[in-house]
PDB file of N, CA and C in Angstrom:
ATOM      1  N   MET A   1      25.202 -56.149 350.847  1.00  0.00           N
ATOM      2  CA  MET A   1      25.898 -56.041 349.596  1.00  0.00           C
ATOM      3  C   MET A   1      24.970 -55.497 348.506  1.00  0.00           C
ATOM      4  N   TRP A   2      23.760 -56.028 348.415  1.00  0.00           N
ATOM      5  CA  TRP A   2      22.849 -55.587 347.357  1.00  0.00           C
ATOM      6  C   TRP A   2      22.430 -54.137 347.535  1.00  0.00           C
ATOM      7  N   VAL A   3      22.320 -53.697 348.785  1.00  0.00           N
ATOM      8  CA  VAL A   3      21.938 -52.300 349.031  1.00  0.00           C
ATOM      9  C   VAL A   3      23.034 -51.376 348.526  1.00  0.00           C
ATOM     10  N   ARG A   4      24.280 -51.705 348.819  1.00  0.00           N
ATOM     11  CA  ARG A   4      25.391 -50.882 348.339  1.00  0.00           C
ATOM     12  C   ARG A   4      25.462 -50.888 346.814  1.00  0.00           C
ATOM     13  N   THR A   5      25.236 -52.055 346.230  1.00  0.00           N
ATOM     14  CA  THR A   5      25.239 -52.143 344.765  1.00  0.00           C
ATOM     15  C   THR A   5      24.145 -51.275 344.180  1.00  0.00           C
ATOM     16  N   TYR A   6      22.948 -51.374 344.761  1.00  0.00           N
ATOM     17  CA  TYR A   6      21.828 -50.571 344.269  1.00  0.00           C
ATOM     18  C   TYR A   6      22.138 -49.082 344.396  1.00  0.00           C
ATOM     19  N   LEU A   7      22.624 -48.663 345.545  1.00  0.00           N
ATOM     20  CA  LEU A   7      22.916 -47.240 345.752  1.00  0.00           C
ATOM     21  C   LEU A   7      23.983 -46.743 344.777  1.00  0.00           C
ATOM     22  N   ARG A   8      24.997 -47.557 344.538  1.00  0.00           N
ATOM     23  CA  ARG A   8      26.052 -47.163 343.606  1.00  0.00           C
ATOM     24  C   ARG A   8      25.500 -47.021 342.188  1.00  0.00           C
ATOM     25  N   LEU A   9      24.673 -47.980 341.761  1.00  0.00           N
ATOM     26  CA  LEU A   9      24.097 -47.905 340.419  1.00  0.00           C
ATOM     27  C   LEU A   9      23.057 -46.793 340.319  1.00  0.00           C
ATOM     28  N   ALA A  10      22.298 -46.565 341.389  1.00  0.00           N
ATOM     29  CA  ALA A  10      21.280 -45.517 341.374  1.00  0.00           C
ATOM     30  C   ALA A  10      21.923 -44.140 341.234  1.00  0.00           C
ATOM     31  N   SER A  11      23.088 -43.963 341.835  1.00  0.00           N
ATOM     32  CA  SER A  11      23.747 -42.657 341.761  1.00  0.00           C
ATOM     33  C   SER A  11      24.210 -42.321 340.345  1.00  0.00           C
ATOM     34  N   THR A  12      24.372 -43.342 339.514  1.00  0.00           N
ATOM     35  CA  THR A  12      24.792 -43.111 338.130  1.00  0.00           C
ATOM     36  C   THR A  12      23.675 -43.379 337.131  1.00  0.00           C
ATOM     37  N   GLY A  13      22.471 -43.691 337.643  1.00  0.00           N
ATOM     38  CA  GLY A  13      21.329 -43.936 336.768  1.00  0.00           C
ATOM     39  C   GLY A  13      21.395 -45.255 336.013  1.00  0.00           C
ATOM     40  N   GLU A  14      22.070 -46.242 336.578  1.00  0.00           N
ATOM     41  CA  GLU A  14      22.248 -47.524 335.891  1.00  0.00           C
ATOM     42  C   GLU A  14      21.615 -48.689 336.648  1.00  0.00           C
ATOM     43  N   VAL A  15      20.500 -48.458 337.330  1.00  0.00           N
ATOM     44  CA  VAL A  15      19.843 -49.502 338.120  1.00  0.00           C
ATOM     45  C   VAL A  15      19.413 -50.678 337.248  1.00  0.00           C
ATOM     46  N   ASP A  16      19.100 -50.437 335.991  1.00  0.00           N
ATOM     47  CA  ASP A  16      18.670 -51.509 335.088  1.00  0.00           C
ATOM     48  C   ASP A  16      19.728 -52.601 334.934  1.00  0.00           C
ATOM     49  N   LYS A  17      20.977 -52.289 335.197  1.00  0.00           N
ATOM     50  CA  LYS A  17      22.041 -53.285 335.069  1.00  0.00           C
ATOM     51  C   LYS A  17      21.934 -54.392 336.113  1.00  0.00           C
ATOM     52  N   MET A  18      21.167 -54.157 337.186  1.00  0.00           N
ATOM     53  CA  MET A  18      21.035 -55.169 338.230  1.00  0.00           C
ATOM     54  C   MET A  18      20.250 -56.390 337.766  1.00  0.00           C
ATOM     55  N   VAL A  19      19.411 -56.241 336.766  1.00  0.00           N
ATOM     56  CA  VAL A  19      18.558 -57.354 336.337  1.00  0.00           C
ATOM     57  C   VAL A  19      19.073 -58.036 335.077  1.00  0.00           C
ATOM     58  N   VAL A  20      20.275 -57.728 334.660  1.00  0.00           N
ATOM     59  CA  VAL A  20      20.851 -58.325 333.453  1.00  0.00           C
ATOM     60  C   VAL A  20      21.679 -59.541 333.847  1.00  0.00           C
ATOM     61  N   GLY A  21      21.432 -60.668 333.175  1.00  0.00           N
ATOM     62  CA  GLY A  21      22.212 -61.875 333.420  1.00  0.00           C
ATOM     63  C   GLY A  21      21.842 -62.566 334.717  1.00  0.00           C
ATOM     64  N   CYS A  22      22.580 -63.586 335.060  1.00  0.00           N
ATOM     65  CA  CYS A  22      22.356 -64.323 336.302  1.00  0.00           C
ATOM     66  C   CYS A  22      23.628 -65.080 336.669  1.00  0.00           C
ATOM     67  N   VAL A  23      23.650 -65.584 337.881  1.00  0.00           N
ATOM     68  CA  VAL A  23      24.764 -66.406 338.329  1.00  0.00           C
ATOM     69  C   VAL A  23      24.348 -67.861 338.151  1.00  0.00           C
ATOM     70  N   PRO A  24      25.107 -68.642 337.411  1.00  0.00           N
ATOM     71  CA  PRO A  24      24.744 -70.047 337.214  1.00  0.00           C
ATOM     72  C   PRO A  24      24.728 -70.801 338.540  1.00  0.00           C
ATOM     73  N   PRO A  25      23.957 -71.878 338.619  1.00  0.00           N
ATOM     74  CA  PRO A  25      23.896 -72.642 339.871  1.00  0.00           C
ATOM     75  C   PRO A  25      25.221 -73.324 340.191  1.00  0.00           C
ATOM     76  N   ARG A  26      25.400 -73.616 341.455  1.00  0.00           N
ATOM     77  CA  ARG A  26      26.619 -74.257 341.925  1.00  0.00           C
ATOM     78  C   ARG A  26      26.726 -75.683 341.380  1.00  0.00           C
ATOM     79  N   MET A  27      27.942 -76.098 341.090  1.00  0.00           N
ATOM     80  CA  MET A  27      28.184 -77.482 340.675  1.00  0.00           C
ATOM     81  C   MET A  27      28.636 -78.262 341.907  1.00  0.00           C
ATOM     82  N   TRP A  28      27.750 -79.038 342.460  1.00  0.00           N
ATOM     83  CA  TRP A  28      28.048 -79.759 343.694  1.00  0.00           C
ATOM     84  C   TRP A  28      29.113 -80.832 343.501  1.00  0.00           C
ATOM     85  N   GLU A  29      29.360 -81.231 342.264  1.00  0.00           N
ATOM     86  CA  GLU A  29      30.418 -82.206 342.007  1.00  0.00           C
ATOM     87  C   GLU A  29      31.788 -81.653 342.391  1.00  0.00           C
ATOM     88  N   LEU A  30      31.903 -80.335 342.395  1.00  0.00           N
ATOM     89  CA  LEU A  30      33.178 -79.692 342.711  1.00  0.00           C
ATOM     90  C   LEU A  30      33.265 -79.243 344.168  1.00  0.00           C
ATOM     91  N   ASN A  31      32.312 -79.645 344.988  1.00  0.00           N
ATOM     92  CA  ASN A  31      32.309 -79.261 346.400  1.00  0.00           C
ATOM     93  C   ASN A  31      33.587 -79.754 347.084  1.00  0.00           C
ATOM     94  N   LYS A  32      34.178 -78.891 347.903  1.00  0.00           N
ATOM     95  CA  LYS A  32      35.406 -79.187 348.650  1.00  0.00           C
ATOM     96  C   LYS A  32      36.608 -79.434 347.734  1.00  0.00           C
ATOM     97  N   THR A  33      36.602 -78.822 346.556  1.00  0.00           N
ATOM     98  CA  THR A  33      37.764 -78.888 345.666  1.00  0.00           C
ATOM     99  C   THR A  33      38.314 -77.475 345.501  1.00  0.00           C
ATOM    100  N   PRO A  34      39.585 -77.313 345.167  1.00  0.00           N
ATOM    101  CA  PRO A  34      40.184 -75.977 345.068  1.00  0.00           C
ATOM    102  C   PRO A  34      39.604 -75.164 343.910  1.00  0.00           C
ATOM    103  N   SER A  35      39.237 -73.932 344.203  1.00  0.00           N
ATOM    104  CA  SER A  35      38.543 -73.107 343.218  1.00  0.00           C
ATOM    105  C   SER A  35      39.445 -72.600 342.092  1.00  0.00           C
ATOM    106  N   TRP A  36      40.674 -72.189 342.405  1.00  0.00           N
ATOM    107  CA  TRP A  36      41.523 -71.637 341.345  1.00  0.00           C
ATOM    108  C   TRP A  36      41.864 -72.660 340.272  1.00  0.00           C
ATOM    109  N   PRO A  37      42.286 -73.875 340.635  1.00  0.00           N
ATOM    110  CA  PRO A  37      42.506 -74.864 339.564  1.00  0.00           C
ATOM    111  C   PRO A  37      41.223 -75.161 338.782  1.00  0.00           C
ATOM    112  N   ASN A  38      40.094 -75.250 339.469  1.00  0.00           N
ATOM    113  CA  ASN A  38      38.823 -75.493 338.776  1.00  0.00           C
ATOM    114  C   ASN A  38      38.532 -74.384 337.774  1.00  0.00           C
ATOM    115  N   PHE A  39      38.780 -73.152 338.175  1.00  0.00           N
ATOM    116  CA  PHE A  39      38.537 -72.014 337.290  1.00  0.00           C
ATOM    117  C   PHE A  39      39.446 -72.073 336.065  1.00  0.00           C
ATOM    118  N   HIS A  40      40.740 -72.267 336.283  1.00  0.00           N
ATOM    119  CA  HIS A  40      41.692 -72.247 335.173  1.00  0.00           C
ATOM    120  C   HIS A  40      41.583 -73.475 334.271  1.00  0.00           C
ATOM    121  N   LEU A  41      41.090 -74.570 334.808  1.00  0.00           N
ATOM    122  CA  LEU A  41      40.858 -75.764 333.989  1.00  0.00           C
ATOM    123  C   LEU A  41      39.474 -75.741 333.349  1.00  0.00           C
ATOM    124  N   LYS A  42      38.751 -74.636 333.591  1.00  0.00           N
ATOM    125  CA  LYS A  42      37.396 -74.440 333.057  1.00  0.00           C
ATOM    126  C   LYS A  42      36.426 -75.526 333.523  1.00  0.00           C
ATOM    127  N   TRP A  43      36.573 -75.911 334.807  1.00  0.00           N
ATOM    128  CA  TRP A  43      35.661 -76.882 335.395  1.00  0.00           C
ATOM    129  C   TRP A  43      34.618 -76.205 336.262  1.00  0.00           C
ATOM    130  N   ASP A  44      34.756 -74.920 336.529  1.00  0.00           N
ATOM    131  CA  ASP A  44      33.843 -74.249 337.453  1.00  0.00           C
ATOM    132  C   ASP A  44      32.470 -74.038 336.820  1.00  0.00           C
ATOM    133  N   HIS A  45      31.520 -73.579 337.628  1.00  0.00           N
ATOM    134  CA  HIS A  45      30.130 -73.450 337.186  1.00  0.00           C
ATOM    135  C   HIS A  45      29.934 -72.386 336.112  1.00  0.00           C
ATOM    136  N   GLN A  46      30.873 -71.477 335.946  1.00  0.00           N
ATOM    137  CA  GLN A  46      30.714 -70.451 334.923  1.00  0.00           C
ATOM    138  C   GLN A  46      31.416 -70.816 333.619  1.00  0.00           C
ATOM    139  N   SER A  47      32.197 -71.861 333.612  1.00  0.00           N
ATOM    140  CA  SER A  47      32.956 -72.216 332.416  1.00  0.00           C
ATOM    141  C   SER A  47      32.314 -73.319 331.596  1.00  0.00           C
ATOM    142  N   VAL A  48      31.589 -74.217 332.257  1.00  0.00           N
ATOM    143  CA  VAL A  48      31.026 -75.353 331.527  1.00  0.00           C
ATOM    144  C   VAL A  48      29.918 -74.896 330.597  1.00  0.00           C
ATOM    145  N   SER A  49      29.732 -75.637 329.552  1.00  0.00           N
ATOM    146  CA  SER A  49      28.740 -75.280 328.540  1.00  0.00           C
ATOM    147  C   SER A  49      27.433 -76.013 328.815  1.00  0.00           C
ATOM    148  N   THR A  50      26.536 -75.378 329.534  1.00  0.00           N
ATOM    149  CA  THR A  50      25.221 -75.955 329.798  1.00  0.00           C
ATOM    150  C   THR A  50      24.158 -74.969 329.350  1.00  0.00           C
ATOM    151  N   ASP A  51      22.942 -75.451 329.222  1.00  0.00           N
ATOM    152  CA  ASP A  51      21.844 -74.577 328.816  1.00  0.00           C
ATOM    153  C   ASP A  51      21.650 -73.430 329.796  1.00  0.00           C
ATOM    154  N   VAL A  52      21.798 -73.715 331.098  1.00  0.00           N
ATOM    155  CA  VAL A  52      21.593 -72.674 332.110  1.00  0.00           C
ATOM    156  C   VAL A  52      22.599 -71.550 331.916  1.00  0.00           C
ATOM    157  N   ILE A  53      23.847 -71.899 331.718  1.00  0.00           N
ATOM    158  CA  ILE A  53      24.887 -70.884 331.576  1.00  0.00           C
ATOM    159  C   ILE A  53      24.709 -70.099 330.283  1.00  0.00           C
ATOM    160  N   GLN A  54      24.350 -70.786 329.215  1.00  0.00           N
ATOM    161  CA  GLN A  54      24.116 -70.080 327.955  1.00  0.00           C
ATOM    162  C   GLN A  54      22.966 -69.097 328.103  1.00  0.00           C
ATOM    163  N   ARG A  55      21.915 -69.480 328.820  1.00  0.00           N
ATOM    164  CA  ARG A  55      20.788 -68.565 329.036  1.00  0.00           C
ATOM    165  C   ARG A  55      21.195 -67.398 329.925  1.00  0.00           C
ATOM    166  N   CYS A  56      22.080 -67.643 330.887  1.00  0.00           N
ATOM    167  CA  CYS A  56      22.541 -66.563 331.760  1.00  0.00           C
ATOM    168  C   CYS A  56      23.347 -65.526 330.987  1.00  0.00           C
ATOM    169  N   ARG A  57      24.032 -65.959 329.953  1.00  0.00           N
ATOM    170  CA  ARG A  57      24.862 -65.038 329.178  1.00  0.00           C
ATOM    171  C   ARG A  57      24.097 -64.319 328.080  1.00  0.00           C
ATOM    172  N   LEU A  58      22.857 -64.710 327.843  1.00  0.00           N
ATOM    173  CA  LEU A  58      22.072 -64.053 326.802  1.00  0.00           C
ATOM    174  C   LEU A  58      21.525 -62.722 327.309  1.00  0.00           C
ATOM    175  N   VAL A  59      21.778 -61.696 326.577  1.00  0.00           N
ATOM    176  CA  VAL A  59      21.248 -60.378 326.903  1.00  0.00           C
ATOM    177  C   VAL A  59      20.704 -59.797 325.612  1.00  0.00           C
ATOM    178  N   GLU A  60      19.403 -59.512 325.622  1.00  0.00           N
ATOM    179  CA  GLU A  60      18.758 -58.919 324.453  1.00  0.00           C
ATOM    180  C   GLU A  60      19.055 -59.704 323.181  1.00  0.00           C
ATOM    181  N   GLY A  61      19.053 -61.044 323.280  1.00  0.00           N
ATOM    182  CA  GLY A  61      19.206 -61.880 322.103  1.00  0.00           C
ATOM    183  C   GLY A  61      20.622 -62.064 321.602  1.00  0.00           C
ATOM    184  N   ARG A  62      21.622 -61.573 322.327  1.00  0.00           N
ATOM    185  CA  ARG A  62      22.995 -61.794 321.870  1.00  0.00           C
ATOM    186  C   ARG A  62      23.827 -62.335 323.029  1.00  0.00           C
ATOM    187  N   LEU A  63      24.804 -63.121 322.723  1.00  0.00           N
ATOM    188  CA  LEU A  63      25.661 -63.739 323.715  1.00  0.00           C
ATOM    189  C   LEU A  63      26.694 -62.734 324.195  1.00  0.00           C
ATOM    190  N   ILE A  64      26.841 -62.615 325.520  1.00  0.00           N
ATOM    191  CA  ILE A  64      27.846 -61.697 326.067  1.00  0.00           C
ATOM    192  C   ILE A  64      28.989 -62.504 326.650  1.00  0.00           C
ATOM    193  N   ASP A  65      30.158 -61.934 326.708  1.00  0.00           N
ATOM    194  CA  ASP A  65      31.333 -62.589 327.291  1.00  0.00           C
ATOM    195  C   ASP A  65      31.812 -61.815 328.478  1.00  0.00           C
TER     196      ASP A  65
END
């Protein structure tokens, strides 16, 4: 997957986009629970307001959505 992503970005000169942001860590409390309800109820690992997620969304000193 990463090789295809790199090749696609390299062909357009946008390789720098690969190092922007991060994926927040998994919330083990939600293990074996349905993902769609968790997402829509904002219980998933990308919706909760934690320091890790806020840092993942910071790009060049501004918050991205």
